[in-house]
Amino acid sequence: MAPRVIGPRSETAAHARLKRLAVIWAQAQGYAACAVEVTLPQCRYRADVAAYRATSDGAGVTAIFECKQAWPDLKRDNCRSDAERERLQVISKRREVFERNLRVHYPNLRTGDSLFPEWDSHDFTAIRHHCYTQVMRELGALSNRLYSGTKFEKLQRYKCANLLFLVLPNELLREPELPLGWGVLIEANESLSLARRPSWHESSPELRLRFLQRIASCATRHVNRELGIAYEEVDSARRRSGCDRPEEIEDVSVKCCRGAVST
């Protein structure tokens, strides 16, 4: 197991190394704005590395890099929801068959929690039926995967960035099992090489601007930590300036500029 790194998320050294290599690779490809652990504007997820590259048309190109150091970590986020839902339906029907038969053969499993016997619930776990236990275990695992294991699929569906990359150690390169539409960067000799090109995901200029703003906000928080600037200091400075909202400063600046032009 990789050694742990002391940090807010108790990150492993292997994962931190992949993120570092991803930032280096992104900057080498022209992505001048990069940040780590960026909360994305389109969904509840946070990207390991987010990057932005300026273009001549002003829209820019956005990219997300997801770093996976171990196969279980990669598999957890690579749930294919259509296949998992079909499997969930099969297992749910199997559970219904089990419970219907268990009610007949074990009437003593009624819990007596209802006024009418036909509405009583049953404690099927009391008999520790092996097959029923397996079905319930798989049902729970499928439900959890559909709820929290579809990160790769949702980042594509919500068009969170124009380009999506997986950053992997060389031993995790299993082409058929990797998510479609994602580029793949493989670690080798302390650098990354492109093993698969990503698909292009169109997004609006407004969304790309919001993406860049998230990178800037994340980078500002990092600068504040490096300089030891607490939120209370920023809040106190804002109050002393007499502006309740940060956007008021921009309004004042615009008015001053207009006054200077008119004179």
Protein backbone atom coordinates (compact mmCIF):
# COMPACT_ATOMS: atom_id res chain seq x y z
CA MET A 1 0.00 0.00 0.00
CA ALA A 2 1.24 3.49 -0.85
CA PRO A 3 2.41 5.60 2.08
CA ARG A 4 0.06 8.27 3.34
CA VAL A 5 0.65 11.98 2.98
CA ILE A 6 -0.43 14.29 5.77
CA GLY A 7 -3.09 16.59 4.34
CA PRO A 8 -6.74 17.59 4.49
CA ARG A 9 -7.85 14.43 2.69
CA SER A 10 -5.05 12.12 3.93
CA GLU A 11 -3.90 11.70 0.34
CA THR A 12 -1.47 8.95 -0.65
CA ALA A 13 1.94 9.79 -2.06
CA ALA A 14 1.10 7.90 -5.28
CA HIS A 15 -2.05 9.96 -5.86
CA ALA A 16 -0.25 13.23 -5.11
CA ARG A 17 2.48 12.25 -7.57
CA LEU A 18 -0.07 11.60 -10.34
CA LYS A 19 -1.69 14.99 -9.73
CA ARG A 20 1.69 16.70 -9.89
CA LEU A 21 2.52 14.98 -13.18
CA ALA A 22 -0.91 15.92 -14.56
CA VAL A 23 -0.32 19.62 -13.75
CA ILE A 24 3.10 19.48 -15.43
CA TRP A 25 1.66 17.76 -18.53
CA ALA A 26 -1.24 20.22 -18.75
CA GLN A 27 1.04 23.26 -18.61
CA ALA A 28 3.32 21.70 -21.21
CA GLN A 29 0.26 21.43 -23.50
CA GLY A 30 -0.54 25.12 -23.11
CA TYR A 31 -2.99 25.04 -20.20
CA ALA A 32 -1.67 28.09 -18.39
CA ALA A 33 -4.35 28.06 -15.66
CA CYS A 34 -4.31 24.92 -13.49
CA ALA A 35 -5.50 24.05 -10.01
CA VAL A 36 -6.04 20.92 -7.94
CA GLU A 37 -9.16 19.79 -6.05
CA VAL A 38 -11.48 22.13 -7.99
CA THR A 39 -15.24 22.01 -7.37
CA LEU A 40 -16.93 21.83 -10.76
CA PRO A 41 -19.72 24.26 -11.79
CA GLN A 42 -22.02 21.72 -13.45
CA CYS A 43 -22.19 19.02 -10.76
CA ARG A 44 -21.38 18.08 -7.18
CA TYR A 45 -18.03 16.51 -8.04
CA ARG A 46 -14.54 17.84 -7.47
CA ALA A 47 -11.80 17.38 -10.08
CA ASP A 48 -8.33 16.21 -9.09
CA VAL A 49 -6.89 18.67 -11.60
CA ALA A 50 -8.72 21.31 -13.65
CA ALA A 51 -7.03 23.24 -16.45
CA TYR A 52 -7.86 26.02 -18.91
CA ARG A 53 -6.13 26.94 -22.16
CA ALA A 54 -6.81 30.26 -23.88
CA THR A 55 -7.72 30.27 -27.59
CA SER A 56 -7.81 32.95 -30.26
CA ASP A 57 -11.62 33.01 -30.32
CA GLY A 58 -11.73 33.83 -26.61
CA ALA A 59 -13.79 30.78 -25.60
CA GLY A 60 -10.85 28.72 -24.38
CA VAL A 61 -10.53 24.97 -23.82
CA THR A 62 -11.28 23.31 -20.49
CA ALA A 63 -9.90 19.99 -19.27
CA ILE A 64 -10.39 17.72 -16.28
CA PHE A 65 -7.80 15.20 -15.07
CA GLU A 66 -8.87 12.34 -12.78
CA CYS A 67 -5.97 10.49 -11.12
CA LYS A 68 -6.43 6.85 -10.11
CA GLN A 69 -3.64 4.97 -8.37
CA ALA A 70 -5.37 1.59 -7.83
CA TRP A 71 -7.86 -0.54 -9.73
CA PRO A 72 -10.60 -0.54 -7.02
CA ASP A 73 -10.45 3.27 -6.98
CA LEU A 74 -10.84 3.38 -10.76
CA LYS A 75 -13.62 0.79 -10.86
CA ARG A 76 -15.63 2.57 -8.16
CA ASP A 77 -16.18 5.65 -10.34
CA ASN A 78 -16.62 3.74 -13.61
CA CYS A 79 -20.13 2.41 -13.12
CA ARG A 80 -22.10 2.08 -16.38
CA SER A 81 -25.56 3.03 -15.18
CA ASP A 82 -27.59 1.35 -17.98
CA ALA A 83 -26.05 -2.08 -17.36
CA GLU A 84 -26.20 -1.64 -13.60
CA ARG A 85 -29.90 -0.68 -13.73
CA GLU A 86 -30.71 -3.78 -15.77
CA ARG A 87 -28.88 -5.91 -13.23
CA LEU A 88 -30.67 -4.10 -10.41
CA GLN A 89 -34.06 -4.97 -11.92
CA VAL A 90 -33.07 -8.64 -12.19
CA ILE A 91 -31.89 -8.78 -8.58
CA SER A 92 -34.98 -6.90 -7.34
CA LYS A 93 -37.26 -9.46 -8.98
CA ARG A 94 -35.22 -12.25 -7.43
CA ARG A 95 -35.63 -10.60 -4.01
CA GLU A 96 -39.41 -10.41 -4.51
CA VAL A 97 -39.55 -14.15 -5.33
CA PHE A 98 -37.51 -15.00 -2.24
CA GLU A 99 -39.65 -12.87 0.05
CA ARG A 100 -42.92 -14.23 -1.39
CA ASN A 101 -41.80 -17.80 -0.73
CA LEU A 102 -40.35 -17.03 2.68
CA ARG A 103 -43.66 -15.53 3.81
CA VAL A 104 -45.36 -18.82 2.98
CA HIS A 105 -42.79 -21.14 4.54
CA TYR A 106 -41.91 -18.99 7.56
CA PRO A 107 -45.13 -17.28 8.79
CA ASN A 108 -43.45 -16.79 12.18
CA LEU A 109 -41.27 -14.06 10.63
CA ARG A 110 -44.14 -11.57 10.96
CA THR A 111 -43.14 -8.67 13.20
CA GLY A 112 -46.72 -7.82 14.30
CA ASP A 113 -46.21 -4.11 13.65
CA SER A 114 -49.57 -3.62 11.90
CA LEU A 115 -53.18 -3.74 13.05
CA PHE A 116 -54.03 -6.17 10.24
CA PRO A 117 -51.97 -9.38 9.75
CA GLU A 118 -51.90 -9.06 5.97
CA TRP A 119 -50.06 -5.75 6.36
CA ASP A 120 -47.45 -7.06 8.78
CA SER A 121 -43.83 -6.66 7.74
CA HIS A 122 -41.42 -9.60 7.98
CA ASP A 123 -37.95 -9.92 9.41
CA PHE A 124 -36.36 -12.08 6.71
CA THR A 125 -32.88 -11.66 8.18
CA ALA A 126 -33.85 -13.60 11.30
CA ILE A 127 -33.42 -17.01 9.62
CA ARG A 128 -30.11 -16.05 7.97
CA HIS A 129 -31.07 -17.58 4.65
CA HIS A 130 -27.82 -17.81 2.68
CA CYS A 131 -29.18 -17.10 -0.83
CA TYR A 132 -31.46 -14.32 0.36
CA THR A 133 -28.53 -12.71 2.20
CA GLN A 134 -26.46 -12.82 -0.99
CA VAL A 135 -29.27 -11.22 -3.00
CA MET A 136 -29.67 -8.40 -0.46
CA ARG A 137 -25.92 -7.82 -0.34
CA GLU A 138 -25.73 -7.50 -4.14
CA LEU A 139 -28.81 -5.28 -4.17
CA GLY A 140 -27.18 -2.91 -1.70
CA ALA A 141 -23.92 -2.85 -3.64
CA LEU A 142 -25.72 -2.06 -6.92
CA SER A 143 -27.72 0.74 -5.31
CA ASN A 144 -24.56 2.28 -3.86
CA ARG A 145 -22.78 2.08 -7.21
CA LEU A 146 -25.66 3.74 -9.04
CA TYR A 147 -25.76 6.54 -6.47
CA SER A 148 -22.06 7.24 -5.95
CA GLY A 149 -20.15 5.27 -8.59
CA THR A 150 -21.08 7.08 -11.81
CA LYS A 151 -18.62 9.98 -11.63
CA PHE A 152 -16.99 9.34 -15.02
CA GLU A 153 -20.33 8.94 -16.76
CA LYS A 154 -21.82 12.09 -15.20
CA LEU A 155 -18.80 14.27 -15.97
CA GLN A 156 -19.38 13.38 -19.63
CA ARG A 157 -23.16 13.71 -19.54
CA TYR A 158 -23.07 17.12 -17.86
CA LYS A 159 -20.30 18.33 -20.21
CA CYS A 160 -18.25 19.54 -17.29
CA ALA A 161 -15.22 20.13 -19.54
CA ASN A 162 -14.28 19.95 -23.21
CA LEU A 163 -11.68 17.25 -22.60
CA LEU A 164 -11.56 14.53 -19.95
CA PHE A 165 -8.41 12.63 -19.02
CA LEU A 166 -7.65 9.65 -16.80
CA VAL A 167 -4.17 9.65 -15.26
CA LEU A 168 -3.05 6.10 -14.44
CA PRO A 169 -0.01 4.05 -13.55
CA ASN A 170 1.07 1.85 -16.44
CA GLU A 171 -0.21 -1.35 -14.78
CA LEU A 172 -3.80 -0.02 -14.76
CA LEU A 173 -4.01 0.33 -18.55
CA ARG A 174 -6.85 -2.10 -19.36
CA GLU A 175 -8.25 -0.60 -22.52
CA PRO A 176 -11.63 -2.41 -22.75
CA GLU A 177 -12.56 -1.54 -19.15
CA LEU A 178 -11.76 2.19 -19.28
CA PRO A 179 -14.60 4.70 -19.82
CA LEU A 180 -15.35 5.65 -23.42
CA GLY A 181 -14.71 9.23 -24.45
CA TRP A 182 -11.93 9.75 -21.91
CA GLY A 183 -8.33 10.33 -22.82
CA VAL A 184 -5.75 8.22 -20.99
CA LEU A 185 -2.40 9.44 -19.69
CA ILE A 186 0.02 6.76 -18.51
CA GLU A 187 2.78 7.34 -15.97
CA ALA A 188 6.21 6.13 -17.07
CA ASN A 189 9.69 7.31 -16.07
CA GLU A 190 8.39 10.19 -13.93
CA SER A 191 6.36 11.65 -16.80
CA LEU A 192 3.03 11.14 -18.58
CA SER A 193 2.44 9.87 -22.10
CA LEU A 194 -0.83 9.99 -24.03
CA ALA A 195 -2.13 6.45 -24.51
CA ARG A 196 -5.59 7.40 -25.81
CA ARG A 197 -6.95 10.65 -27.19
CA PRO A 198 -10.10 12.08 -25.57
CA SER A 199 -13.35 12.88 -27.33
CA TRP A 200 -14.38 16.53 -27.65
CA HIS A 201 -17.35 17.63 -25.50
CA GLU A 202 -18.88 20.89 -26.62
CA SER A 203 -19.80 23.46 -23.96
CA SER A 204 -20.93 27.07 -24.00
CA PRO A 205 -18.49 29.99 -23.55
CA GLU A 206 -20.39 30.91 -20.37
CA LEU A 207 -19.74 27.49 -18.87
CA ARG A 208 -16.06 27.67 -19.79
CA LEU A 209 -15.82 31.06 -18.08
CA ARG A 210 -17.41 29.62 -14.94
CA PHE A 211 -14.91 26.77 -15.11
CA LEU A 212 -12.03 29.27 -15.28
CA GLN A 213 -13.52 31.19 -12.36
CA ARG A 214 -13.55 28.01 -10.26
CA ILE A 215 -9.86 27.48 -11.07
CA ALA A 216 -9.10 31.07 -10.08
CA SER A 217 -11.06 30.77 -6.82
CA CYS A 218 -9.27 27.54 -5.94
CA ALA A 219 -5.88 29.10 -6.71
CA THR A 220 -6.77 32.12 -4.55
CA ARG A 221 -7.57 29.87 -1.59
CA HIS A 222 -4.19 28.18 -2.06
CA VAL A 223 -2.43 31.58 -2.07
CA ASN A 224 -4.30 32.56 1.10
CA ARG A 225 -3.08 29.40 2.82
CA GLU A 226 0.50 30.00 1.67
CA LEU A 227 0.42 33.59 2.94
CA GLY A 228 -1.49 32.76 6.12
CA ILE A 229 -4.47 34.96 5.20
CA ALA A 230 -7.61 34.04 7.14
CA TYR A 231 -11.16 34.65 5.94
CA GLU A 232 -11.74 36.99 8.88
CA GLU A 233 -8.99 39.30 7.61
CA VAL A 234 -10.58 39.50 4.16
CA ASP A 235 -14.02 40.07 5.66
CA SER A 236 -12.67 42.81 7.94
CA ALA A 237 -10.96 44.56 5.01
CA ARG A 238 -14.17 44.44 3.00
CA ARG A 239 -16.14 45.99 5.84
CA ARG A 240 -13.58 48.76 6.26
CA SER A 241 -13.92 49.57 2.56
CA GLY A 242 -17.63 50.21 3.12
CA CYS A 243 -18.77 47.64 0.55
CA ASP A 244 -21.22 45.01 1.76
CA ARG A 245 -20.87 43.08 -1.51
CA PRO A 246 -17.66 42.50 -3.51
CA GLU A 247 -19.38 43.49 -6.76
CA GLU A 248 -19.95 46.99 -5.36
CA ILE A 249 -16.22 47.64 -5.71
CA GLU A 250 -16.49 47.03 -9.45
CA ASP A 251 -19.49 49.37 -9.64
CA VAL A 252 -17.54 52.14 -7.87
CA SER A 253 -14.57 51.65 -10.19
CA VAL A 254 -16.78 51.91 -13.26
CA LYS A 255 -18.39 55.13 -11.99
CA CYS A 256 -14.97 56.64 -11.27
CA CYS A 257 -13.77 55.79 -14.77
CA ARG A 258 -16.87 57.34 -16.34
CA GLY A 259 -16.39 60.50 -14.25
CA ALA A 260 -12.79 60.80 -15.38
CA VAL A 261 -13.82 60.47 -19.02
CA SER A 262 -16.59 63.07 -18.73
CA THR A 263 -14.24 65.66 -17.23
